[in-house]
Amino acid sequence: MNIPIWTGTSSFSAGQTPFGFYDSQLDFQTDSDKVADFCARRLGYPLADVELQSGSFYTAFEEAITIYGNELYAYKIRENYLSLEGASSTTIPNGQLITPNLASIVRISEQYGVEAGVGGNVTWYSGSLSLVSSQQTYNMDSWAQANANLAANDSIEIKRIFYEAPPAITRYFDPYAGTGTGMIDLMDSFGWGSYSPAINFLMMPINYDLQVMQAIEFNDQIRRSNYSFELVNNNLKIFPIPNVAGTLWFEYIKKSERNNPYSNGTDLITNVAEVPFENPNYNIINSIGRQWIFEMTLTIAKEMLGYIRGKYSTIPIPDADVTLNQSDLLSSATANRTALIERLRAYFDETSRSSLLERKATENDFLQKELNKVPYTIYIG
């Protein structure tokens, strides 16, 4: 059976590649035959037969472009994933300018807001507990099972209990009693003592106000039976022991909601496999990228030819045998593929955001050193 091999010419038409990713792109159609001729000549044609067909070269060309796009967009995802996570998975980012944002950082910081009670993404619920006269300890887990509408194996965590003495500032100043600032004698020295204490006020520094309020709170804590509580393992102990019935208000969260890491929403990017990059548009790849693609196409074609020639180690001819170079082709193709991938990745890494900013900072340092050597002009008015 005679299978036609490379004849030296080819004519590309849509449908001659396995996947047809780029068949409709004009530049791909134009370059396919040129790349086929380039690879054949680099493999020894016309001095030696090349056991490949035009479709083999087109397949290698398509694969090389796809590898280039895969490496390019894998780099783009690594560089921007913090900004892409949580975005729409239906918006194609090809050709889009990806603007860095703090969305992922905010999602992380929200957890601190939850614990501090200043924001976050976990709901704080309000609850009330009926205090019983002469009962000091209350089991909040029992309260939760009866009142918090919990799912199975869920529990609550108390975040804030409203059981405190009136704020010290409410007892800071009592003009009718002549107390508070304790500065009546000082006001007398200013000649204001004859005025009614209800209509005069002596403003003191803020640090003095803070000390007075601290003194009131410390006095309540040491000399009086101050309002306080102790919460251990969701067992609430009230100080002092209530002597009348009443209602105690508090805020709590459901642990299941805090432990749930999932955000609501559909069609969101949740991992690198869901970033919807498509195959690159060959028409807009620049000459640097195209040269890399040409070299990778040759490498793939060399690999295919090596496997084909490996089917027979020698070919008999009259009075001799021809030894084929299968091993040379495969080892060369393997080395070239590795070198090309490493070169492309190094190129992408050198153009990463961090590398560019570092290079810019270095340039600014050198520029500043150069400017420092420029003589300063002295103006004499």
Protein backbone atom coordinates (compact mmCIF):
# COMPACT_ATOMS: atom_id res chain seq x y z
CA MET A 1 0.00 0.00 0.00
CA ASN A 2 1.47 3.34 -1.07
CA ILE A 3 0.54 6.16 1.30
CA PRO A 4 1.33 9.57 -0.17
CA ILE A 5 3.87 11.57 1.82
CA TRP A 6 4.94 15.20 1.61
CA THR A 7 5.10 16.30 -2.01
CA GLY A 8 6.53 19.74 -1.40
CA THR A 9 3.28 21.67 -1.73
CA SER A 10 0.02 21.97 0.17
CA SER A 11 -3.23 23.88 0.04
CA PHE A 12 -5.02 24.47 3.34
CA SER A 13 -8.80 24.50 3.61
CA ALA A 14 -11.09 24.53 6.63
CA GLY A 15 -11.70 21.11 8.14
CA GLN A 16 -8.17 19.75 7.75
CA THR A 17 -7.29 20.11 11.45
CA PRO A 18 -8.56 17.78 14.20
CA PHE A 19 -10.43 20.42 16.22
CA GLY A 20 -10.82 23.31 13.81
CA PHE A 21 -10.11 25.86 16.55
CA TYR A 22 -8.51 28.34 14.15
CA ASP A 23 -9.66 27.20 10.71
CA SER A 24 -11.82 30.27 10.19
CA GLN A 25 -9.08 32.75 11.12
CA LEU A 26 -7.54 34.36 8.06
CA ASP A 27 -3.96 34.50 9.33
CA PHE A 28 -4.10 30.82 10.30
CA GLN A 29 -5.27 29.92 6.80
CA THR A 30 -2.47 31.99 5.28
CA ASP A 31 0.31 30.70 7.54
CA SER A 32 -0.67 27.00 7.52
CA ASP A 33 0.97 26.24 4.17
CA LYS A 34 3.97 28.44 4.97
CA VAL A 35 4.51 26.65 8.27
CA ALA A 36 4.15 23.25 6.55
CA ASP A 37 6.82 24.24 4.01
CA PHE A 38 9.06 25.63 6.79
CA CYS A 39 8.85 22.42 8.85
CA ALA A 40 9.41 20.15 5.85
CA ARG A 41 12.52 22.05 4.82
CA ARG A 42 13.87 22.01 8.41
CA LEU A 43 13.34 18.22 8.44
CA GLY A 44 15.48 17.77 5.30
CA TYR A 45 13.12 18.11 2.35
CA PRO A 46 13.79 17.98 -0.62
CA LEU A 47 17.15 16.24 0.01
CA ALA A 48 15.36 13.61 2.07
CA ASP A 49 11.82 12.36 2.06
CA VAL A 50 9.62 13.51 4.93
CA GLU A 51 7.10 10.84 5.84
CA LEU A 52 4.39 13.31 6.78
CA GLN A 53 1.39 14.74 4.99
CA SER A 54 0.12 18.31 4.88
CA GLY A 55 -2.51 17.39 7.47
CA SER A 56 0.26 16.34 9.85
CA PHE A 57 1.80 19.79 9.67
CA TYR A 58 -1.58 21.47 10.08
CA THR A 59 -2.24 19.33 13.18
CA ALA A 60 1.14 20.28 14.65
CA PHE A 61 0.44 23.96 13.89
CA GLU A 62 -2.95 23.84 15.64
CA GLU A 63 -1.46 22.07 18.65
CA ALA A 64 1.38 24.58 18.94
CA ILE A 65 -1.06 27.52 19.02
CA THR A 66 -3.17 25.75 21.65
CA ILE A 67 -0.11 25.09 23.83
CA TYR A 68 0.85 28.75 23.53
CA GLY A 69 -2.64 29.84 24.57
CA ASN A 70 -2.68 27.36 27.44
CA GLU A 71 0.60 28.68 28.83
CA LEU A 72 -0.47 32.29 28.30
CA TYR A 73 -3.82 32.02 30.02
CA ALA A 74 -2.50 29.79 32.80
CA TYR A 75 -0.08 32.62 33.55
CA LYS A 76 -2.91 35.18 33.43
CA ILE A 77 -4.97 33.11 35.86
CA ARG A 78 -2.02 32.77 38.28
CA GLU A 79 -1.40 36.50 38.08
CA ASN A 80 -5.01 37.57 38.61
CA TYR A 81 -6.85 34.75 40.36
CA LEU A 82 -7.50 36.75 43.55
CA SER A 83 -9.32 39.28 41.39
CA LEU A 84 -11.09 36.65 39.25
CA GLU A 85 -12.45 34.40 42.02
CA GLY A 86 -16.12 35.09 42.58
CA ALA A 87 -16.55 36.85 39.22
CA SER A 88 -18.99 35.65 36.56
CA SER A 89 -17.94 32.42 34.85
CA THR A 90 -19.99 33.34 31.76
CA THR A 91 -17.99 36.45 30.83
CA ILE A 92 -15.13 35.57 28.48
CA PRO A 93 -11.96 37.38 29.68
CA ASN A 94 -10.12 37.07 26.36
CA GLY A 95 -9.28 40.59 25.21
CA GLN A 96 -10.54 42.08 28.48
CA LEU A 97 -8.36 44.27 30.69
CA ILE A 98 -8.37 42.59 34.10
CA THR A 99 -8.41 45.25 36.80
CA PRO A 100 -7.03 44.08 40.18
CA ASN A 101 -9.50 44.38 43.06
CA LEU A 102 -9.65 43.62 46.77
CA ALA A 103 -12.69 41.34 46.66
CA SER A 104 -10.86 38.27 47.98
CA ILE A 105 -9.06 40.30 50.65
CA VAL A 106 -12.39 41.77 51.77
CA ARG A 107 -13.92 38.29 51.97
CA ILE A 108 -11.08 37.27 54.26
CA SER A 109 -11.33 40.41 56.40
CA GLU A 110 -15.08 39.97 56.77
CA GLN A 111 -14.40 37.11 59.15
CA TYR A 112 -12.63 39.48 61.54
CA GLY A 113 -15.65 41.79 61.32
CA VAL A 114 -17.91 38.90 62.30
CA GLU A 115 -15.90 38.16 65.43
CA ALA A 116 -15.61 41.83 66.38
CA GLY A 117 -19.27 42.56 65.72
CA VAL A 118 -18.53 45.34 63.24
CA GLY A 119 -19.65 43.73 59.99
CA GLY A 120 -18.99 40.54 58.09
CA ASN A 121 -21.21 38.02 56.35
CA VAL A 122 -22.67 36.10 59.31
CA THR A 123 -25.97 37.23 60.79
CA TRP A 124 -26.10 38.30 64.43
CA TYR A 125 -29.44 37.30 65.94
CA SER A 126 -31.12 38.94 68.92
CA GLY A 127 -32.52 36.84 71.73
CA SER A 128 -34.02 37.37 75.16
CA LEU A 129 -33.82 35.27 78.30
CA SER A 130 -36.34 35.40 81.12
CA LEU A 131 -34.48 35.86 84.40
CA VAL A 132 -35.84 34.02 87.41
CA SER A 133 -35.61 35.41 90.91
CA SER A 134 -32.78 33.78 92.91
CA GLN A 135 -31.52 31.79 89.88
CA GLN A 136 -27.98 32.64 88.89
CA THR A 137 -27.03 30.09 86.21
CA TYR A 138 -28.80 29.57 82.86
CA ASN A 139 -28.05 26.96 80.18
CA MET A 140 -27.96 28.77 76.85
CA ASP A 141 -27.80 25.54 74.82
CA SER A 142 -31.19 24.59 76.22
CA TRP A 143 -32.48 28.05 75.35
CA ALA A 144 -31.14 27.68 71.80
CA GLN A 145 -32.79 24.34 71.19
CA ALA A 146 -36.12 25.79 72.27
CA ASN A 147 -35.94 29.23 70.69
CA ALA A 148 -33.21 29.57 68.00
CA ASN A 149 -34.73 27.33 65.28
CA LEU A 150 -31.52 25.33 64.84
CA ALA A 151 -30.84 22.54 62.39
CA ALA A 152 -29.65 19.17 63.57
CA ASN A 153 -26.17 19.21 65.19
CA ASP A 154 -26.11 23.02 65.09
CA SER A 155 -25.49 25.30 68.07
CA ILE A 156 -25.18 28.98 68.91
CA GLU A 157 -22.36 31.17 70.10
CA ILE A 158 -23.18 34.13 72.33
CA LYS A 159 -21.46 37.27 71.04
CA ARG A 160 -22.83 40.04 73.30
CA ILE A 161 -24.85 40.20 76.51
CA PHE A 162 -26.64 43.38 77.53
CA TYR A 163 -26.28 43.11 81.30
CA GLU A 164 -24.36 46.14 82.46
CA ALA A 165 -24.64 49.02 84.85
CA PRO A 166 -25.79 52.39 83.50
CA PRO A 167 -22.94 54.14 81.69
CA ALA A 168 -20.66 56.14 83.95
CA ILE A 169 -21.26 59.28 81.87
CA THR A 170 -24.88 59.37 83.08
CA ARG A 171 -23.62 59.88 86.64
CA TYR A 172 -20.75 62.13 85.73
CA PHE A 173 -22.37 65.52 86.34
CA ASP A 174 -25.26 66.38 88.63
CA PRO A 175 -25.44 70.20 88.83
CA TYR A 176 -28.40 70.38 91.23
CA ALA A 177 -26.58 68.22 93.77
CA GLY A 178 -23.43 70.28 93.44
CA THR A 179 -21.40 67.16 92.59
CA GLY A 180 -19.89 65.75 89.43
CA THR A 181 -16.82 67.73 88.49
CA GLY A 182 -16.18 68.72 92.10
CA MET A 183 -15.01 72.12 90.96
CA ILE A 184 -17.39 74.39 92.90
CA ASP A 185 -14.52 75.82 94.93
CA LEU A 186 -12.59 76.47 91.76
CA MET A 187 -15.59 78.28 90.28
CA ASP A 188 -15.83 80.38 93.44
CA SER A 189 -12.24 81.44 92.91
CA PHE A 190 -13.23 82.66 89.46
CA GLY A 191 -16.08 84.70 90.97
CA TRP A 192 -18.81 82.49 89.54
CA GLY A 193 -19.91 80.86 92.78
CA SER A 194 -23.05 83.04 93.17
CA TYR A 195 -24.54 81.66 89.99
CA SER A 196 -26.93 78.73 90.10
CA PRO A 197 -25.02 75.45 89.54
CA ALA A 198 -27.73 74.44 87.09
CA ILE A 199 -26.75 77.05 84.55
CA ASN A 200 -22.97 77.01 84.67
CA PHE A 201 -20.38 74.48 83.62
CA LEU A 202 -16.62 74.33 83.82
CA MET A 203 -15.12 72.50 80.87
CA MET A 204 -12.17 70.28 81.75
CA PRO A 205 -9.69 68.44 79.51
CA ILE A 206 -10.87 65.16 77.96
CA ASN A 207 -8.34 63.15 79.95
CA TYR A 208 -9.96 64.43 83.13
CA ASP A 209 -13.38 63.24 81.94
CA LEU A 210 -11.96 59.80 81.21
CA GLN A 211 -10.42 59.56 84.67
CA VAL A 212 -13.68 60.50 86.36
CA MET A 213 -15.67 57.88 84.42
CA GLN A 214 -13.02 55.29 85.16
CA ALA A 215 -13.20 56.18 88.86
CA ILE A 216 -16.99 55.72 88.85
CA GLU A 217 -16.74 52.30 87.17
CA PHE A 218 -13.90 51.19 89.47
CA ASN A 219 -15.86 52.30 92.50
CA ASP A 220 -18.88 50.27 91.34
CA GLN A 221 -16.70 47.23 90.80
CA ILE A 222 -14.98 47.33 94.20
CA ARG A 223 -17.45 48.92 96.63
CA ARG A 224 -20.78 47.92 95.14
CA SER A 225 -22.42 44.76 93.82
CA ASN A 226 -21.73 45.54 90.19
CA TYR A 227 -23.61 44.11 87.20
CA SER A 228 -21.53 41.37 85.61
CA PHE A 229 -21.75 37.91 84.05
CA GLU A 230 -19.66 34.88 83.24
CA LEU A 231 -20.14 32.72 80.15
CA VAL A 232 -18.41 29.32 80.09
CA ASN A 233 -19.40 26.55 77.65
CA ASN A 234 -22.68 28.38 76.99
CA ASN A 235 -23.59 28.34 80.69
CA LEU A 236 -24.44 31.90 81.70
CA LYS A 237 -23.86 32.97 85.29
CA ILE A 238 -25.35 36.32 86.39
CA PHE A 239 -23.83 38.62 89.01
CA PRO A 240 -25.45 39.69 91.28
CA ILE A 241 -28.06 36.97 91.61
CA PRO A 242 -31.37 38.44 90.38
CA ASN A 243 -33.84 39.12 93.18
CA VAL A 244 -36.74 39.84 90.83
CA ALA A 245 -37.87 38.40 87.52
CA GLY A 246 -36.84 40.26 84.38
CA THR A 247 -35.64 39.96 80.80
CA LEU A 248 -32.02 39.74 79.68
CA TRP A 249 -31.22 40.57 76.05
CA PHE A 250 -28.26 39.19 74.11
CA GLU A 251 -26.94 38.66 70.57
CA TYR A 252 -25.72 35.38 69.11
CA ILE A 253 -24.71 33.67 65.87
CA LYS A 254 -25.41 30.19 64.53
CA LYS A 255 -22.19 28.23 64.24
CA SER A 256 -23.37 26.51 61.06
CA GLU A 257 -23.56 29.89 59.31
CA ARG A 258 -20.07 30.88 60.40
CA ASN A 259 -18.66 27.49 59.39
CA ASN A 260 -20.29 27.66 55.94
CA PRO A 261 -17.58 28.80 53.48
CA TYR A 262 -19.85 28.97 50.44
CA SER A 263 -21.12 32.20 48.93
CA ASN A 264 -24.56 32.43 47.40
CA GLY A 265 -24.81 32.86 43.66
CA THR A 266 -24.66 30.91 40.44
CA ASP A 267 -22.24 30.90 37.53
CA LEU A 268 -19.37 32.15 39.69
CA ILE A 269 -15.68 31.35 39.31
CA THR A 270 -14.80 29.06 42.21
CA ASN A 271 -11.54 27.49 40.98
CA VAL A 272 -8.93 27.97 38.28
CA ALA A 273 -10.65 25.44 36.01
CA GLU A 274 -13.74 27.67 35.80
CA VAL A 275 -11.99 30.82 34.55
CA PRO A 276 -13.59 30.97 31.07
CA PHE A 277 -10.58 31.74 28.88
CA GLU A 278 -10.99 30.53 25.32
CA ASN A 279 -8.35 29.54 22.77
CA PRO A 280 -6.37 32.55 21.56
CA ASN A 281 -7.16 34.45 18.39
CA TYR A 282 -4.22 33.67 16.12
CA ASN A 283 -4.89 36.81 14.10
CA ILE A 284 -3.79 39.08 16.98
CA ILE A 285 -0.76 37.11 18.22
CA ASN A 286 2.32 39.24 17.61
CA SER A 287 5.50 38.20 15.81
CA ILE A 288 7.21 37.14 19.04
CA GLY A 289 4.43 34.73 19.85
CA ARG A 290 4.19 33.48 16.27
CA GLN A 291 7.90 32.69 16.14
CA TRP A 292 7.54 30.59 19.27
CA ILE A 293 4.56 28.82 17.67
CA PHE A 294 6.55 28.10 14.49
CA GLU A 295 9.34 26.53 16.54
CA MET A 296 6.89 24.47 18.59
CA THR A 297 5.18 23.30 15.37
CA LEU A 298 8.54 22.09 14.09
CA THR A 299 9.18 20.31 17.38
CA ILE A 300 5.80 18.52 17.24
CA ALA A 301 6.34 17.59 13.59
CA LYS A 302 9.79 16.25 14.45
CA GLU A 303 8.24 14.16 17.22
CA MET A 304 5.60 12.74 14.86
CA LEU A 305 8.23 11.92 12.24
CA GLY A 306 10.34 10.20 14.88
CA TYR A 307 7.48 7.92 15.87
CA ILE A 308 6.78 7.12 12.22
CA ARG A 309 10.40 6.30 11.46
CA GLY A 310 10.60 4.26 14.64
CA LYS A 311 8.30 1.69 13.05
CA TYR A 312 11.31 0.44 11.10
CA SER A 313 14.86 0.78 12.37
CA THR A 314 16.34 0.16 8.91
CA ILE A 315 15.13 0.11 5.32
CA PRO A 316 16.74 -2.34 2.90
CA ILE A 317 18.11 -1.00 -0.34
CA PRO A 318 20.13 -2.83 -3.00
CA ASP A 319 23.36 -4.18 -1.42
CA ALA A 320 22.86 -2.15 1.83
CA ASP A 321 20.54 -0.96 4.60
CA VAL A 322 19.52 2.59 5.46
CA THR A 323 19.43 3.30 9.19
CA LEU A 324 16.68 5.74 10.17
CA ASN A 325 17.21 8.51 12.75
CA GLN A 326 14.17 7.84 14.96
CA SER A 327 16.04 8.14 18.27
CA ASP A 328 17.73 11.38 17.22
CA LEU A 329 14.41 12.93 16.23
CA LEU A 330 12.64 11.96 19.46
CA SER A 331 15.44 13.09 21.78
CA SER A 332 15.78 16.36 19.89
CA ALA A 333 12.01 16.93 19.98
CA THR A 334 11.84 16.24 23.72
CA ALA A 335 14.71 18.63 24.47
CA ASN A 336 13.30 21.33 22.20
CA ARG A 337 9.80 21.08 23.72
CA THR A 338 11.18 21.44 27.25
CA ALA A 339 13.38 24.38 26.28
CA LEU A 340 10.54 26.17 24.48
CA ILE A 341 8.12 25.77 27.41
CA GLU A 342 10.71 26.99 29.90
CA ARG A 343 11.58 29.96 27.69
CA LEU A 344 7.93 30.97 27.35
CA ARG A 345 7.25 30.66 31.09
CA ALA A 346 10.36 32.69 31.90
CA TYR A 347 9.18 35.38 29.49
CA PHE A 348 5.76 35.51 31.16
CA ASP A 349 7.29 35.60 34.65
CA GLU A 350 9.52 38.52 33.64
CA THR A 351 6.42 40.46 32.62
CA SER A 352 4.44 39.66 35.78
CA ARG A 353 3.12 42.50 37.89
CA SER A 354 5.59 41.91 40.71
CA SER A 355 8.59 41.68 38.34
CA LEU A 356 7.61 44.85 36.48
CA LEU A 357 7.10 46.80 39.71
CA GLU A 358 10.43 45.57 41.04
CA ARG A 359 12.18 46.59 37.81
CA LYS A 360 10.46 49.98 37.90
CA ALA A 361 11.61 50.55 41.49
CA THR A 362 15.18 49.65 40.51
CA GLU A 363 15.04 52.07 37.59
CA ASN A 364 13.78 54.84 39.87
CA ASP A 365 16.67 54.22 42.29
CA PHE A 366 19.24 54.46 39.52
CA LEU A 367 17.54 57.53 38.08
CA GLN A 368 17.59 59.23 41.47
CA LYS A 369 21.31 58.49 41.85
CA GLU A 370 21.93 59.94 38.39
CA LEU A 371 19.93 63.09 39.14
CA ASN A 372 21.86 63.60 42.38
CA LYS A 373 25.00 64.08 40.29
CA VAL A 374 23.46 66.93 38.31
CA PRO A 375 24.74 70.31 39.62
CA TYR A 376 22.08 72.36 41.33
CA THR A 377 21.35 75.79 39.94
CA ILE A 378 21.76 78.67 42.39
CA TYR A 379 19.41 81.55 41.71
CA ILE A 380 20.49 84.97 42.95
CA GLY A 381 17.65 87.40 43.18
